[in-house]
Each structure stands twice: as structure tokens, then as C-alpha cells.
Amino acid sequence: MGIPIEEVRPEASFVKDFEFNDFQFNCLVYYIVNYFDIPVMECDYPQLATIGSTKNFIRNKKVFYSRSPGSNKSKKAISY
């Protein structure tokens, strides 16, 4: 997306600081869903406002879904 590394900081807003339009924001959501293998609902979008909030969102979702009954990690952790 052509963002200089010195502008990447936790409080930076995708819309205000990097001037993301709807298409770019949807590309970000698509990347998060596919790269991190976590669901992102439209109601989650406010949690993706800044780099820092997006990082926290991904971290929290990964922890939640890695502990969910249907995940591979939880199946490996259960011994019968």
C-alpha cells in the first residue's frame, strides 16, 4: 500500500493517516481473514481503526480461536 515505515505506528489510523478508501480497507479485511485465518465481521470494523487496535484484534481472535473446541490446536491438546 506504499506506506513509509516511519509512518507505521500503533496510533496511526488507516482512514485518517493513510487515507484508505473503502476498497483499500476491504482489502485489509480480506488479508486479515485469509492470512490469519480468523473471521472478521462488519461489526468488527471499528476495532480495525488503527494499526495498534488491529494488532490487538488479531491477537485476541487468534487466542480465542486457538482455544475453540473446533480448532486444530485444541484437538492436539486433548489426550484420551
C-alpha atoms as a PDB file:
ATOM      1  CA  MET A   1       0.000   0.000   0.000  1.00  0.00           C
ATOM      2  CA  GLY A   2       3.032   2.220  -0.167  1.00  0.00           C
ATOM      3  CA  ILE A   3       3.175   3.360   3.476  1.00  0.00           C
ATOM      4  CA  PRO A   4       6.611   4.604   4.564  1.00  0.00           C
ATOM      5  CA  ILE A   5       7.915   2.604   7.538  1.00  0.00           C
ATOM      6  CA  GLU A   6       8.446   5.762   9.625  1.00  0.00           C
ATOM      7  CA  GLU A   7       4.692   6.432   9.466  1.00  0.00           C
ATOM      8  CA  VAL A   8       3.786   2.981  10.794  1.00  0.00           C
ATOM      9  CA  ARG A   9       2.969   3.489  14.461  1.00  0.00           C
ATOM     10  CA  PRO A  10       0.298   1.985  16.749  1.00  0.00           C
ATOM     11  CA  GLU A  11      -1.900   5.089  16.851  1.00  0.00           C
ATOM     12  CA  ALA A  12      -1.882   5.608  13.059  1.00  0.00           C
ATOM     13  CA  SER A  13      -5.363   5.466  11.538  1.00  0.00           C
ATOM     14  CA  PHE A  14      -5.876   3.627   8.267  1.00  0.00           C
ATOM     15  CA  VAL A  15      -8.523   6.126   7.139  1.00  0.00           C
ATOM     16  CA  LYS A  16      -7.260   9.428   8.595  1.00  0.00           C
ATOM     17  CA  ASP A  17      -3.476   8.986   8.396  1.00  0.00           C
ATOM     18  CA  PHE A  18      -3.148   6.664   5.414  1.00  0.00           C
ATOM     19  CA  GLU A  19      -6.298   7.839   3.616  1.00  0.00           C
ATOM     20  CA  PHE A  20      -7.622   4.332   2.987  1.00  0.00           C
ATOM     21  CA  ASN A  21     -10.735   4.299   0.826  1.00  0.00           C
ATOM     22  CA  ASP A  22     -13.429   1.616   1.114  1.00  0.00           C
ATOM     23  CA  PHE A  23     -11.687  -0.669  -1.363  1.00  0.00           C
ATOM     24  CA  GLN A  24      -8.338  -0.484   0.447  1.00  0.00           C
ATOM     25  CA  PHE A  25      -9.983  -1.099   3.808  1.00  0.00           C
ATOM     26  CA  ASN A  26     -11.821  -4.116   2.406  1.00  0.00           C
ATOM     27  CA  CYS A  27      -8.508  -5.400   1.025  1.00  0.00           C
ATOM     28  CA  LEU A  28      -7.074  -5.101   4.544  1.00  0.00           C
ATOM     29  CA  VAL A  29     -10.011  -7.091   5.936  1.00  0.00           C
ATOM     30  CA  TYR A  30      -9.609  -9.715   3.197  1.00  0.00           C
ATOM     31  CA  TYR A  31      -5.907 -10.033   4.018  1.00  0.00           C
ATOM     32  CA  ILE A  32      -6.597 -10.431   7.751  1.00  0.00           C
ATOM     33  CA  VAL A  33      -9.243 -13.103   7.117  1.00  0.00           C
ATOM     34  CA  ASN A  34      -7.087 -15.116   4.728  1.00  0.00           C
ATOM     35  CA  TYR A  35      -3.622 -14.651   6.215  1.00  0.00           C
ATOM     36  CA  PHE A  36      -4.555 -15.096   9.877  1.00  0.00           C
ATOM     37  CA  ASP A  37      -7.467 -17.491   9.246  1.00  0.00           C
ATOM     38  CA  ILE A  38      -9.854 -15.613  11.515  1.00  0.00           C
ATOM     39  CA  PRO A  39     -13.336 -14.309  10.781  1.00  0.00           C
ATOM     40  CA  VAL A  40     -13.903 -10.567  10.570  1.00  0.00           C
ATOM     41  CA  MET A  41     -17.497  -9.362  10.663  1.00  0.00           C
ATOM     42  CA  GLU A  42     -18.652  -5.919   9.637  1.00  0.00           C
ATOM     43  CA  CYS A  43     -19.403  -5.162  13.290  1.00  0.00           C
ATOM     44  CA  ASP A  44     -15.660  -5.709  13.970  1.00  0.00           C
ATOM     45  CA  TYR A  45     -14.588  -2.895  11.621  1.00  0.00           C
ATOM     46  CA  PRO A  46     -14.347  -0.212  14.364  1.00  0.00           C
ATOM     47  CA  GLN A  47     -11.731  -2.426  16.060  1.00  0.00           C
ATOM     48  CA  LEU A  48      -9.620  -2.139  12.895  1.00  0.00           C
ATOM     49  CA  ALA A  49      -9.361   1.652  13.003  1.00  0.00           C
ATOM     50  CA  THR A  50      -5.665   1.929  13.839  1.00  0.00           C
ATOM     51  CA  ILE A  51      -2.583  -0.236  13.450  1.00  0.00           C
ATOM     52  CA  GLY A  52      -2.498  -0.857  17.202  1.00  0.00           C
ATOM     53  CA  SER A  53      -6.184  -1.727  17.514  1.00  0.00           C
ATOM     54  CA  THR A  54      -5.913  -4.053  14.505  1.00  0.00           C
ATOM     55  CA  LYS A  55      -2.917  -5.790  16.055  1.00  0.00           C
ATOM     56  CA  ASN A  56      -4.867  -6.279  19.309  1.00  0.00           C
ATOM     57  CA  PHE A  57      -7.932  -7.510  17.398  1.00  0.00           C
ATOM     58  CA  ILE A  58      -5.887 -10.140  15.550  1.00  0.00           C
ATOM     59  CA  ARG A  59      -4.073 -11.214  18.715  1.00  0.00           C
ATOM     60  CA  ASN A  60      -7.346 -11.602  20.652  1.00  0.00           C
ATOM     61  CA  LYS A  61      -9.070 -13.504  17.829  1.00  0.00           C
ATOM     62  CA  LYS A  62      -6.107 -15.860  17.379  1.00  0.00           C
ATOM     63  CA  VAL A  63      -6.103 -16.669  21.099  1.00  0.00           C
ATOM     64  CA  PHE A  64      -9.874 -17.204  21.097  1.00  0.00           C
ATOM     65  CA  TYR A  65      -9.939 -19.400  18.004  1.00  0.00           C
ATOM     66  CA  SER A  66      -6.879 -21.406  19.015  1.00  0.00           C
ATOM     67  CA  ARG A  67      -8.779 -22.392  22.171  1.00  0.00           C
ATOM     68  CA  SER A  68     -12.120 -23.081  20.465  1.00  0.00           C
ATOM     69  CA  PRO A  69     -13.382 -26.680  20.502  1.00  0.00           C
ATOM     70  CA  GLY A  70     -13.193 -26.989  16.695  1.00  0.00           C
ATOM     71  CA  SER A  71      -9.633 -25.737  16.263  1.00  0.00           C
ATOM     72  CA  ASN A  72      -6.676 -27.977  15.477  1.00  0.00           C
ATOM     73  CA  LYS A  73      -4.656 -26.768  18.456  1.00  0.00           C
ATOM     74  CA  SER A  74      -7.345 -27.706  20.966  1.00  0.00           C
ATOM     75  CA  LYS A  75      -7.691 -31.170  19.374  1.00  0.00           C
ATOM     76  CA  LYS A  76      -3.965 -31.770  19.737  1.00  0.00           C
ATOM     77  CA  ALA A  77      -4.029 -30.654  23.360  1.00  0.00           C
ATOM     78  CA  ILE A  78      -6.698 -33.169  24.364  1.00  0.00           C
ATOM     79  CA  SER A  79      -5.399 -36.605  25.266  1.00  0.00           C
ATOM     80  CA  TYR A  80      -7.733 -39.579  25.543  1.00  0.00           C
END
